[in-house]
């Protein structure tokens, strides 16, 4: 009799409950676009600042295509997470602003550095 009672108790503990009795409310995680947009702005800023170094700034031409591809992807991710304005600005900067700056800045800073060194 004790064995039968133990089996019945166990069966009650592990019995199937229909889904209508169980209420699970799970909130989806909040996905923010702030970290994605901050990361892409930091990448763009570091890339552009490195381009300002006279002489060495030309090395950024090797690294820039990969950085610009990553920031373009991060801009698309920012748009998909709700930061439409940030994403559009990131993509615009990635496609227009940064390539122009990265192309022109090493030439200008190196020319200025050479002019200064020749003047002395």
Protein backbone atom coordinates (compact mmCIF):
# COMPACT_ATOMS: atom_id res chain seq x y z
CA UNK A 1 0.00 0.00 0.00
CA UNK A 2 2.85 2.37 0.79
CA UNK A 3 4.43 1.60 -2.58
CA UNK A 4 1.16 2.33 -4.35
CA UNK A 5 0.78 5.63 -2.50
CA UNK A 6 4.37 6.62 -3.37
CA UNK A 7 3.74 5.86 -7.03
CA UNK A 8 0.55 7.91 -7.01
CA UNK A 9 2.36 10.85 -5.37
CA UNK A 10 5.11 10.65 -7.94
CA UNK A 11 2.58 10.50 -10.76
CA UNK A 12 0.87 13.62 -9.45
CA UNK A 13 4.17 15.51 -9.24
CA UNK A 14 5.12 14.64 -12.81
CA UNK A 15 1.68 14.70 -14.34
CA UNK A 16 1.02 16.48 -17.60
CA UNK A 17 -0.65 19.86 -17.32
CA UNK A 18 -2.31 21.33 -20.38
CA UNK A 19 -0.90 24.55 -21.75
CA UNK A 20 -4.01 26.49 -20.77
CA UNK A 21 -3.08 26.10 -17.12
CA UNK A 22 0.51 27.15 -17.52
CA UNK A 23 1.15 30.79 -18.25
CA UNK A 24 4.65 31.65 -19.29
CA UNK A 25 5.32 35.27 -20.06
CA UNK A 26 8.79 35.74 -21.45
CA UNK A 27 9.84 39.20 -22.52
CA UNK A 28 12.09 39.33 -25.58
CA UNK A 29 15.44 40.94 -24.80
CA UNK A 30 15.66 44.62 -25.56
CA UNK A 31 17.97 45.01 -28.52
CA UNK A 32 19.40 48.48 -28.58
CA UNK A 33 21.11 50.11 -31.50
CA UNK A 34 23.31 52.30 -29.30
CA UNK A 35 26.20 49.88 -28.91
CA UNK A 36 26.22 49.06 -32.62
CA UNK A 37 26.16 52.70 -33.69
CA UNK A 38 28.78 53.69 -31.10
CA UNK A 39 31.08 50.93 -32.29
CA UNK A 40 30.80 51.96 -35.91
CA UNK A 41 31.39 55.65 -35.12
CA UNK A 42 34.49 54.70 -33.10
CA UNK A 43 35.80 52.58 -35.99
CA UNK A 44 35.25 55.40 -38.46
CA UNK A 45 36.87 57.99 -36.16
CA UNK A 46 39.95 55.86 -35.51
CA UNK A 47 40.34 55.15 -39.21
CA UNK A 48 40.05 58.84 -40.12
CA UNK A 49 42.38 59.95 -37.32
CA UNK A 50 45.00 57.45 -38.41
CA UNK A 51 44.76 58.87 -41.94
CA UNK A 52 45.90 62.25 -40.58
CA UNK A 53 49.38 60.96 -39.69
CA UNK A 54 51.81 62.29 -42.31
CA UNK A 55 53.44 59.49 -44.29
CA UNK A 56 51.96 56.65 -42.24
CA UNK A 57 48.44 57.72 -43.14
CA UNK A 58 48.85 56.04 -46.50
CA UNK A 59 48.83 52.65 -44.74
CA UNK A 60 45.17 53.20 -43.90
CA UNK A 61 44.40 52.69 -47.58
CA UNK A 62 45.14 49.00 -47.02
CA UNK A 63 42.97 48.68 -43.91
CA UNK A 64 40.16 51.07 -44.85
CA UNK A 65 38.15 48.77 -47.18
CA UNK A 66 37.71 46.19 -44.41
CA UNK A 67 36.81 48.85 -41.83
CA UNK A 68 34.34 50.49 -44.19
CA UNK A 69 32.72 47.13 -44.94
CA UNK A 70 32.31 46.44 -41.23
CA UNK A 71 30.84 49.89 -40.55
CA UNK A 72 28.43 49.49 -43.47
CA UNK A 73 27.20 46.21 -41.98
CA UNK A 74 26.94 47.80 -38.53
CA UNK A 75 24.89 50.63 -40.04
CA UNK A 76 22.47 48.08 -41.48
CA UNK A 77 22.27 46.35 -38.09
CA UNK A 78 21.56 49.70 -36.41
CA UNK A 79 18.69 50.29 -38.82
CA UNK A 80 17.25 46.83 -38.14
CA UNK A 81 17.39 47.49 -34.38
CA UNK A 82 15.40 50.70 -34.62
CA UNK A 83 18.06 53.35 -34.99
CA UNK A 84 17.07 54.40 -38.49
CA UNK A 85 18.58 57.88 -38.37
CA UNK A 86 21.86 56.68 -36.83
CA UNK A 87 22.05 53.82 -39.34
CA UNK A 88 21.47 56.10 -42.31
CA UNK A 89 24.14 58.54 -41.10
CA UNK A 90 26.59 55.69 -40.56
CA UNK A 91 25.95 54.28 -44.03
CA UNK A 92 26.23 57.74 -45.63
CA UNK A 93 29.50 58.41 -43.80
CA UNK A 94 30.79 54.97 -44.74
CA UNK A 95 29.97 55.37 -48.43
CA UNK A 96 30.79 59.06 -48.97
CA UNK A 97 32.47 60.93 -46.11
CA UNK A 98 35.08 58.52 -44.81
CA UNK A 99 36.40 57.38 -48.22
CA UNK A 100 36.89 60.99 -49.31
CA UNK A 101 38.60 61.90 -46.06
CA UNK A 102 40.77 58.77 -46.04
CA UNK A 103 41.82 59.44 -49.64
CA UNK A 104 42.62 63.14 -49.26
CA UNK A 105 43.92 63.45 -45.68
CA UNK A 106 47.22 61.53 -46.07
CA UNK A 107 48.07 63.47 -49.22
CA UNK A 108 47.39 66.85 -47.62
CA UNK A 109 49.11 66.12 -44.30
CA UNK A 110 52.17 64.64 -45.99
CA UNK A 111 52.39 67.62 -48.34
CA UNK A 112 52.17 70.02 -45.37
CA UNK A 113 54.81 68.07 -43.46
CA UNK A 114 57.13 68.09 -46.47
CA UNK A 115 56.59 71.82 -47.01
CA UNK A 116 57.42 72.51 -43.37
CA UNK A 117 60.54 70.34 -43.47
CA UNK A 118 61.77 72.01 -46.68
CA UNK A 119 61.18 75.48 -45.30
CA UNK A 120 63.54 74.85 -42.39
